[in-house]
Amino acid sequence: MKTAYVLVLAALATGQAWAHHSFAAEYDSSKPITITGAVTKVEWTNPHARLYVDVKDDKGTVTNWNFELGGPLQLNRLGWHRESVKAGDQIKVEGYAAKDGSNMANVRNVIFADGRKVYAGTQGEGAAPQENAPKDAPKENAPKGKDSQ
């Protein structure tokens, strides 16, 4: 019984590690992007939270982008909350494009409609330097949400 328990734990741990990736495996730090649009969906899940944003080009064509942020625990420590960003919010995203050219990016900062620029908690091997990553999220920079003071 003890062996079966250890095997199950090992399989679960391996699956989690296998599913996670490094920044450098999926994103290109030499391809910074800045995109503005309307949030369509927020996923507050591990290992990374995600924002989906409708972006309109010069011709009026709308494309939905998938943006990867840090994990929920890391975002909480930076002052983010599940309600910090909601569908319909207009935001600007600064980040790094996917290597495969898809409409996906790793987020460095989110700039809210009121001008607040907030670090999105992404980091890892191959990630670009963290120019504004706070050691502790200051209250004046933290995203507003239901749990904010």
N, C-alpha and C. Protein backbone atom coordinates (compact mmCIF):
# COMPACT_ATOMS: atom_id res chain seq x y z
N MET A 1 0.82 -1.19 0.00
CA MET A 1 0.00 0.00 0.00
C MET A 1 0.87 1.26 0.00
N LYS A 2 1.93 1.23 0.79
CA LYS A 2 2.83 2.37 0.87
C LYS A 2 3.49 2.64 -0.48
N THR A 3 3.86 1.57 -1.18
CA THR A 3 4.49 1.72 -2.50
C THR A 3 3.51 2.35 -3.49
N ALA A 4 2.26 1.93 -3.46
CA ALA A 4 1.24 2.48 -4.36
C ALA A 4 1.06 3.98 -4.09
N TYR A 5 1.05 4.36 -2.84
CA TYR A 5 0.90 5.77 -2.45
C TYR A 5 2.06 6.60 -2.98
N VAL A 6 3.28 6.09 -2.84
CA VAL A 6 4.46 6.79 -3.32
C VAL A 6 4.42 6.91 -4.85
N LEU A 7 4.01 5.86 -5.54
CA LEU A 7 3.92 5.89 -7.00
C LEU A 7 2.89 6.91 -7.48
N VAL A 8 1.75 6.99 -6.79
CA VAL A 8 0.72 7.96 -7.16
C VAL A 8 1.26 9.38 -6.96
N LEU A 9 1.90 9.63 -5.84
CA LEU A 9 2.47 10.96 -5.60
C LEU A 9 3.53 11.31 -6.64
N ALA A 10 4.38 10.36 -6.97
CA ALA A 10 5.42 10.60 -7.98
C ALA A 10 4.80 10.90 -9.34
N ALA A 11 3.76 10.17 -9.69
CA ALA A 11 3.08 10.40 -10.98
C ALA A 11 2.45 11.78 -11.02
N LEU A 12 1.82 12.18 -9.93
CA LEU A 12 1.21 13.51 -9.88
C LEU A 12 2.26 14.61 -9.95
N ALA A 13 3.34 14.45 -9.24
CA ALA A 13 4.41 15.45 -9.25
C ALA A 13 5.04 15.55 -10.63
N THR A 14 5.25 14.43 -11.27
CA THR A 14 5.84 14.42 -12.60
C THR A 14 4.91 15.10 -13.60
N GLY A 15 3.62 14.83 -13.50
CA GLY A 15 2.65 15.44 -14.41
C GLY A 15 2.64 16.95 -14.26
N GLN A 16 2.69 17.45 -13.04
CA GLN A 16 2.69 18.89 -12.79
C GLN A 16 3.96 19.52 -13.34
N ALA A 17 5.09 18.90 -13.11
CA ALA A 17 6.35 19.45 -13.59
C ALA A 17 6.39 19.40 -15.12
N TRP A 18 5.87 18.34 -15.69
CA TRP A 18 5.87 18.18 -17.14
C TRP A 18 4.99 19.25 -17.78
N ALA A 19 3.88 19.61 -17.15
CA ALA A 19 2.94 20.57 -17.72
C ALA A 19 3.47 21.99 -17.65
N HIS A 20 4.34 22.29 -16.72
CA HIS A 20 4.87 23.64 -16.58
C HIS A 20 6.06 23.84 -17.51
N HIS A 21 6.34 25.08 -17.86
CA HIS A 21 7.38 25.38 -18.82
C HIS A 21 8.19 26.58 -18.34
N SER A 22 9.34 26.77 -18.93
CA SER A 22 10.12 27.96 -18.63
C SER A 22 9.71 29.08 -19.57
N PHE A 23 10.00 30.31 -19.18
CA PHE A 23 9.73 31.47 -20.03
C PHE A 23 10.37 31.27 -21.40
N ALA A 24 11.64 30.92 -21.41
CA ALA A 24 12.41 30.81 -22.65
C ALA A 24 11.88 29.73 -23.59
N ALA A 25 11.17 28.75 -23.06
CA ALA A 25 10.64 27.69 -23.91
C ALA A 25 9.50 28.17 -24.79
N GLU A 26 8.77 29.17 -24.34
CA GLU A 26 7.57 29.58 -25.06
C GLU A 26 7.58 31.03 -25.54
N TYR A 27 8.33 31.91 -24.87
CA TYR A 27 8.29 33.34 -25.18
C TYR A 27 9.66 33.86 -25.58
N ASP A 28 9.67 34.98 -26.29
CA ASP A 28 10.90 35.56 -26.80
C ASP A 28 11.13 36.93 -26.18
N SER A 29 12.13 37.03 -25.29
CA SER A 29 12.40 38.30 -24.59
C SER A 29 12.92 39.38 -25.54
N SER A 30 13.28 39.02 -26.76
CA SER A 30 13.73 40.01 -27.74
C SER A 30 12.55 40.56 -28.57
N LYS A 31 11.33 40.11 -28.26
CA LYS A 31 10.14 40.56 -28.97
C LYS A 31 9.13 41.18 -28.01
N PRO A 32 9.46 42.37 -27.47
CA PRO A 32 8.50 43.03 -26.57
C PRO A 32 7.28 43.52 -27.36
N ILE A 33 6.12 43.46 -26.73
CA ILE A 33 4.90 43.95 -27.37
C ILE A 33 4.13 44.81 -26.38
N THR A 34 3.34 45.72 -26.89
CA THR A 34 2.40 46.50 -26.09
C THR A 34 1.09 46.45 -26.84
N ILE A 35 0.06 45.95 -26.17
CA ILE A 35 -1.24 45.75 -26.80
C ILE A 35 -2.33 46.32 -25.90
N THR A 36 -3.29 47.01 -26.51
CA THR A 36 -4.42 47.59 -25.79
C THR A 36 -5.70 46.95 -26.27
N GLY A 37 -6.59 46.66 -25.33
CA GLY A 37 -7.87 46.07 -25.71
C GLY A 37 -8.79 45.88 -24.54
N ALA A 38 -9.88 45.18 -24.80
CA ALA A 38 -10.91 44.91 -23.79
C ALA A 38 -10.80 43.47 -23.31
N VAL A 39 -10.78 43.30 -22.00
CA VAL A 39 -10.71 41.97 -21.40
C VAL A 39 -12.01 41.22 -21.72
N THR A 40 -11.87 39.98 -22.20
CA THR A 40 -13.04 39.15 -22.48
C THR A 40 -13.20 38.02 -21.47
N LYS A 41 -12.09 37.62 -20.86
CA LYS A 41 -12.13 36.49 -19.92
C LYS A 41 -10.91 36.55 -19.01
N VAL A 42 -11.11 36.13 -17.76
CA VAL A 42 -10.02 36.03 -16.79
C VAL A 42 -10.02 34.62 -16.24
N GLU A 43 -8.87 33.96 -16.27
CA GLU A 43 -8.73 32.63 -15.66
C GLU A 43 -7.76 32.76 -14.50
N TRP A 44 -8.24 32.54 -13.30
CA TRP A 44 -7.45 32.65 -12.09
C TRP A 44 -7.08 31.22 -11.67
N THR A 45 -6.14 30.60 -12.43
CA THR A 45 -5.81 29.19 -12.22
C THR A 45 -4.30 28.99 -12.15
N ASN A 46 -3.89 27.87 -11.60
CA ASN A 46 -2.48 27.49 -11.57
C ASN A 46 -2.14 26.72 -12.83
N PRO A 47 -0.93 26.75 -13.32
CA PRO A 47 0.20 27.41 -12.70
C PRO A 47 0.29 28.90 -13.03
N HIS A 48 -0.54 29.39 -13.99
CA HIS A 48 -0.51 30.81 -14.37
C HIS A 48 -1.93 31.32 -14.54
N ALA A 49 -2.16 32.54 -14.08
CA ALA A 49 -3.42 33.21 -14.40
C ALA A 49 -3.34 33.65 -15.86
N ARG A 50 -4.49 33.82 -16.48
CA ARG A 50 -4.53 34.23 -17.88
C ARG A 50 -5.58 35.30 -18.09
N LEU A 51 -5.27 36.23 -18.99
CA LEU A 51 -6.22 37.24 -19.43
C LEU A 51 -6.43 37.03 -20.93
N TYR A 52 -7.66 37.11 -21.36
CA TYR A 52 -7.99 37.07 -22.78
C TYR A 52 -8.50 38.45 -23.14
N VAL A 53 -7.93 39.03 -24.19
CA VAL A 53 -8.20 40.43 -24.53
C VAL A 53 -8.52 40.54 -26.02
N ASP A 54 -9.63 41.20 -26.33
CA ASP A 54 -9.96 41.50 -27.73
C ASP A 54 -9.19 42.74 -28.15
N VAL A 55 -8.43 42.59 -29.23
CA VAL A 55 -7.58 43.67 -29.74
C VAL A 55 -8.04 44.00 -31.16
N LYS A 56 -8.32 45.28 -31.40
CA LYS A 56 -8.76 45.72 -32.73
C LYS A 56 -7.58 46.33 -33.48
N ASP A 57 -7.36 45.86 -34.72
CA ASP A 57 -6.27 46.41 -35.52
C ASP A 57 -6.74 47.65 -36.29
N ASP A 58 -5.86 48.22 -37.10
CA ASP A 58 -6.15 49.44 -37.86
C ASP A 58 -7.32 49.28 -38.82
N LYS A 59 -7.57 48.06 -39.28
CA LYS A 59 -8.66 47.80 -40.23
C LYS A 59 -9.97 47.46 -39.53
N GLY A 60 -9.94 47.41 -38.19
CA GLY A 60 -11.15 47.11 -37.43
C GLY A 60 -11.34 45.64 -37.14
N THR A 61 -10.40 44.81 -37.56
CA THR A 61 -10.49 43.37 -37.30
C THR A 61 -10.14 43.11 -35.84
N VAL A 62 -10.98 42.33 -35.17
CA VAL A 62 -10.76 42.01 -33.75
C VAL A 62 -10.13 40.63 -33.63
N THR A 63 -9.06 40.57 -32.85
CA THR A 63 -8.37 39.31 -32.58
C THR A 63 -8.31 39.13 -31.08
N ASN A 64 -8.60 37.91 -30.61
CA ASN A 64 -8.52 37.63 -29.18
C ASN A 64 -7.12 37.12 -28.84
N TRP A 65 -6.48 37.79 -27.88
CA TRP A 65 -5.14 37.43 -27.42
C TRP A 65 -5.22 36.70 -26.09
N ASN A 66 -4.30 35.78 -25.89
CA ASN A 66 -4.17 35.00 -24.66
C ASN A 66 -2.90 35.48 -23.95
N PHE A 67 -3.06 36.07 -22.76
CA PHE A 67 -1.92 36.60 -22.01
C PHE A 67 -1.68 35.80 -20.74
N GLU A 68 -0.45 35.35 -20.55
CA GLU A 68 -0.06 34.60 -19.36
C GLU A 68 0.55 35.52 -18.33
N LEU A 69 0.04 35.43 -17.09
CA LEU A 69 0.57 36.20 -15.96
C LEU A 69 1.25 35.24 -15.00
N GLY A 70 1.68 35.75 -13.87
CA GLY A 70 2.20 34.89 -12.80
C GLY A 70 1.08 34.03 -12.23
N GLY A 71 1.42 33.17 -11.31
CA GLY A 71 0.42 32.32 -10.66
C GLY A 71 -0.43 33.11 -9.67
N PRO A 72 -1.62 32.61 -9.35
CA PRO A 72 -2.51 33.32 -8.43
C PRO A 72 -1.88 33.66 -7.08
N LEU A 73 -1.11 32.76 -6.49
CA LEU A 73 -0.49 33.05 -5.19
C LEU A 73 0.51 34.20 -5.32
N GLN A 74 1.31 34.16 -6.36
CA GLN A 74 2.28 35.23 -6.59
C GLN A 74 1.56 36.56 -6.85
N LEU A 75 0.50 36.52 -7.64
CA LEU A 75 -0.27 37.74 -7.92
C LEU A 75 -0.90 38.29 -6.64
N ASN A 76 -1.43 37.40 -5.79
CA ASN A 76 -1.98 37.85 -4.50
C ASN A 76 -0.92 38.57 -3.68
N ARG A 77 0.28 38.03 -3.66
CA ARG A 77 1.36 38.67 -2.90
C ARG A 77 1.73 40.03 -3.46
N LEU A 78 1.47 40.24 -4.74
CA LEU A 78 1.75 41.53 -5.39
C LEU A 78 0.58 42.51 -5.26
N GLY A 79 -0.51 42.05 -4.62
CA GLY A 79 -1.66 42.92 -4.42
C GLY A 79 -2.83 42.67 -5.35
N TRP A 80 -2.68 41.73 -6.27
CA TRP A 80 -3.77 41.38 -7.17
C TRP A 80 -4.81 40.55 -6.43
N HIS A 81 -6.04 40.57 -6.93
CA HIS A 81 -7.12 39.73 -6.42
C HIS A 81 -7.90 39.20 -7.60
N ARG A 82 -8.69 38.20 -7.37
CA ARG A 82 -9.49 37.59 -8.42
C ARG A 82 -10.33 38.64 -9.17
N GLU A 83 -10.76 39.68 -8.47
CA GLU A 83 -11.61 40.71 -9.07
C GLU A 83 -10.82 41.92 -9.58
N SER A 84 -9.51 41.87 -9.59
CA SER A 84 -8.70 43.02 -10.02
C SER A 84 -8.95 43.39 -11.47
N VAL A 85 -9.18 42.41 -12.31
CA VAL A 85 -9.45 42.63 -13.72
C VAL A 85 -10.72 41.85 -14.05
N LYS A 86 -11.63 42.52 -14.74
CA LYS A 86 -12.90 41.89 -15.09
C LYS A 86 -13.17 42.01 -16.58
N ALA A 87 -13.99 41.11 -17.09
CA ALA A 87 -14.40 41.20 -18.50
C ALA A 87 -14.99 42.59 -18.73
N GLY A 88 -14.59 43.19 -19.84
CA GLY A 88 -15.06 44.53 -20.18
C GLY A 88 -14.06 45.63 -19.85
N ASP A 89 -13.13 45.36 -18.93
CA ASP A 89 -12.11 46.37 -18.58
C ASP A 89 -11.21 46.65 -19.78
N GLN A 90 -10.90 47.92 -19.98
CA GLN A 90 -9.93 48.33 -21.01
C GLN A 90 -8.55 48.36 -20.34
N ILE A 91 -7.59 47.63 -20.91
CA ILE A 91 -6.25 47.59 -20.35
C ILE A 91 -5.21 47.67 -21.46
N LYS A 92 -4.00 48.02 -21.05
CA LYS A 92 -2.85 47.96 -21.94
C LYS A 92 -1.93 46.91 -21.33
N VAL A 93 -1.39 46.04 -22.16
CA VAL A 93 -0.53 44.96 -21.70
C VAL A 93 0.86 45.14 -22.31
N GLU A 94 1.87 45.09 -21.46
CA GLU A 94 3.26 45.07 -21.91
C GLU A 94 3.81 43.69 -21.62
N GLY A 95 4.40 43.08 -22.62
CA GLY A 95 4.91 41.74 -22.41
C GLY A 95 5.81 41.28 -23.54
N TYR A 96 5.87 39.97 -23.71
CA TYR A 96 6.77 39.36 -24.68
C TYR A 96 6.02 38.33 -25.49
N ALA A 97 6.15 38.43 -26.81
CA ALA A 97 5.41 37.59 -27.75
C ALA A 97 5.82 36.13 -27.67
N ALA A 98 4.88 35.27 -28.04
CA ALA A 98 5.15 33.84 -28.13
C ALA A 98 6.12 33.58 -29.28
N LYS A 99 7.00 32.61 -29.09
CA LYS A 99 7.97 32.26 -30.13
C LYS A 99 7.31 31.74 -31.39
N ASP A 100 6.14 31.09 -31.26
CA ASP A 100 5.50 30.48 -32.42
C ASP A 100 4.67 31.46 -33.24
N GLY A 101 4.63 32.73 -32.84
CA GLY A 101 3.90 33.74 -33.62
C GLY A 101 2.41 33.76 -33.37
N SER A 102 1.92 32.95 -32.43
CA SER A 102 0.49 32.92 -32.13
C SER A 102 0.09 34.20 -31.37
N ASN A 103 -1.19 34.40 -31.20
CA ASN A 103 -1.71 35.56 -30.46
C ASN A 103 -1.66 35.26 -28.96
N MET A 104 -0.45 35.07 -28.49
CA MET A 104 -0.22 34.74 -27.10
C MET A 104 1.03 35.47 -26.64
N ALA A 105 1.03 35.90 -25.38
CA ALA A 105 2.19 36.61 -24.86
C ALA A 105 2.29 36.41 -23.36
N ASN A 106 3.49 36.61 -22.85
CA ASN A 106 3.77 36.60 -21.43
C ASN A 106 3.72 38.05 -20.96
N VAL A 107 2.97 38.33 -19.91
CA VAL A 107 2.74 39.70 -19.46
C VAL A 107 3.80 40.13 -18.45
N ARG A 108 4.37 41.30 -18.66
CA ARG A 108 5.27 41.93 -17.70
C ARG A 108 4.49 42.92 -16.84
N ASN A 109 3.71 43.80 -17.49
CA ASN A 109 2.94 44.83 -16.78
C ASN A 109 1.55 44.94 -17.38
N VAL A 110 0.61 45.33 -16.53
CA VAL A 110 -0.73 45.69 -16.98
C VAL A 110 -0.93 47.16 -16.60
N ILE A 111 -1.40 47.93 -17.57
CA ILE A 111 -1.68 49.34 -17.32
C ILE A 111 -3.19 49.51 -17.39
N PHE A 112 -3.75 49.96 -16.27
CA PHE A 112 -5.20 50.11 -16.16
C PHE A 112 -5.66 51.45 -16.75
N ALA A 113 -6.95 51.57 -16.99
CA ALA A 113 -7.52 52.77 -17.60
C ALA A 113 -7.20 54.03 -16.79
N ASP A 114 -7.02 53.89 -15.47
CA ASP A 114 -6.70 55.07 -14.64
C ASP A 114 -5.21 55.40 -14.63
N GLY A 115 -4.42 54.64 -15.42
CA GLY A 115 -2.99 54.92 -15.55
C GLY A 115 -2.07 54.12 -14.65
N ARG A 116 -2.63 53.36 -13.71
CA ARG A 116 -1.78 52.54 -12.83
C ARG A 116 -1.08 51.46 -13.65
N LYS A 117 0.23 51.35 -13.45
CA LYS A 117 1.04 50.32 -14.11
C LYS A 117 1.42 49.31 -13.04
N VAL A 118 0.99 48.06 -13.24
CA VAL A 118 1.15 47.05 -12.21
C VAL A 118 1.91 45.84 -12.75
N TYR A 119 2.92 45.41 -12.02
CA TYR A 119 3.71 44.24 -12.37
C TYR A 119 2.82 42.99 -12.33
N ALA A 120 2.97 42.12 -13.34
CA ALA A 120 2.09 40.96 -13.48
C ALA A 120 2.68 39.66 -12.96
N GLY A 121 3.82 39.73 -12.30
CA GLY A 121 4.35 38.57 -11.60
C GLY A 121 5.04 37.53 -12.44
N THR A 122 5.29 37.80 -13.72
CA THR A 122 5.95 36.78 -14.53
C THR A 122 7.46 36.89 -14.40
N GLN A 123 8.07 35.75 -14.36
CA GLN A 123 9.52 35.69 -14.24
C GLN A 123 9.97 34.28 -14.56
N GLY A 124 11.24 34.09 -14.65
CA GLY A 124 11.75 32.76 -14.89
C GLY A 124 12.98 32.79 -15.75
N GLU A 125 13.54 31.63 -15.95
CA GLU A 125 14.74 31.50 -16.76
C GLU A 125 14.48 32.03 -18.16
N GLY A 126 15.30 32.94 -18.60
CA GLY A 126 15.14 33.50 -19.93
C GLY A 126 14.27 34.74 -19.98
N ALA A 127 13.60 35.08 -18.89
CA ALA A 127 12.74 36.26 -18.87
C ALA A 127 13.58 37.52 -18.89
N ALA A 128 13.01 38.57 -19.43
CA ALA A 128 13.70 39.86 -19.47
C ALA A 128 13.82 40.41 -18.04
N PRO A 129 14.74 41.35 -17.80
CA PRO A 129 14.90 41.93 -16.46
C PRO A 129 13.60 42.56 -15.96
N GLN A 130 13.41 42.53 -14.67
CA GLN A 130 12.19 43.04 -14.05
C GLN A 130 12.38 44.50 -13.69
N GLU A 131 12.09 45.41 -14.62
CA GLU A 131 12.37 46.82 -14.37
C GLU A 131 11.51 47.44 -13.28
N ASN A 132 10.32 46.91 -13.05
CA ASN A 132 9.49 47.51 -12.02
C ASN A 132 8.85 46.47 -11.10
N ALA A 133 9.49 45.33 -10.96
CA ALA A 133 8.95 44.30 -10.09
C ALA A 133 9.20 44.67 -8.64
N PRO A 134 8.14 44.91 -7.87
CA PRO A 134 8.32 45.31 -6.48
C PRO A 134 8.69 44.14 -5.59
N LYS A 135 9.46 44.41 -4.55
CA LYS A 135 9.74 43.37 -3.55
C LYS A 135 8.46 43.07 -2.78
N ASP A 136 7.75 44.11 -2.42
CA ASP A 136 6.43 44.00 -1.80
C ASP A 136 5.53 44.96 -2.57
N ALA A 137 4.34 44.52 -2.93
CA ALA A 137 3.45 45.38 -3.71
C ALA A 137 2.97 46.55 -2.87
N PRO A 138 3.34 47.77 -3.25
CA PRO A 138 2.84 48.92 -2.50
C PRO A 138 1.35 49.08 -2.72
N LYS A 139 0.63 49.48 -1.67
CA LYS A 139 -0.82 49.60 -1.74
C LYS A 139 -1.27 50.56 -2.84
N GLU A 140 -0.52 51.64 -3.09
CA GLU A 140 -0.94 52.60 -4.11
C GLU A 140 -0.80 52.05 -5.52
N ASN A 141 0.00 51.01 -5.72
CA ASN A 141 0.18 50.41 -7.04
C ASN A 141 -0.68 49.17 -7.24
N ALA A 142 -1.20 48.62 -6.15
CA ALA A 142 -1.92 47.36 -6.25
C ALA A 142 -3.20 47.53 -7.05
N PRO A 143 -3.56 46.51 -7.84
CA PRO A 143 -4.81 46.56 -8.58
C PRO A 143 -5.98 46.69 -7.62
N LYS A 144 -7.01 47.40 -8.02
CA LYS A 144 -8.21 47.54 -7.19
C LYS A 144 -9.06 46.29 -7.36
N GLY A 145 -9.65 45.85 -6.27
CA GLY A 145 -10.51 44.68 -6.32
C GLY A 145 -11.37 44.65 -5.08
N LYS A 146 -12.20 43.65 -5.00
CA LYS A 146 -13.14 43.51 -3.90
C LYS A 146 -12.44 43.51 -2.54
N ASP A 147 -11.24 42.88 -2.48
CA ASP A 147 -10.54 42.76 -1.21
C ASP A 147 -9.58 43.90 -0.93
N SER A 148 -9.48 44.88 -1.84
CA SER A 148 -8.56 46.00 -1.64
C SER A 148 -9.03 46.92 -0.53
N GLN A 149 -8.08 47.57 0.12
CA GLN A 149 -8.43 48.49 1.19
C GLN A 149 -8.50 49.90 0.67
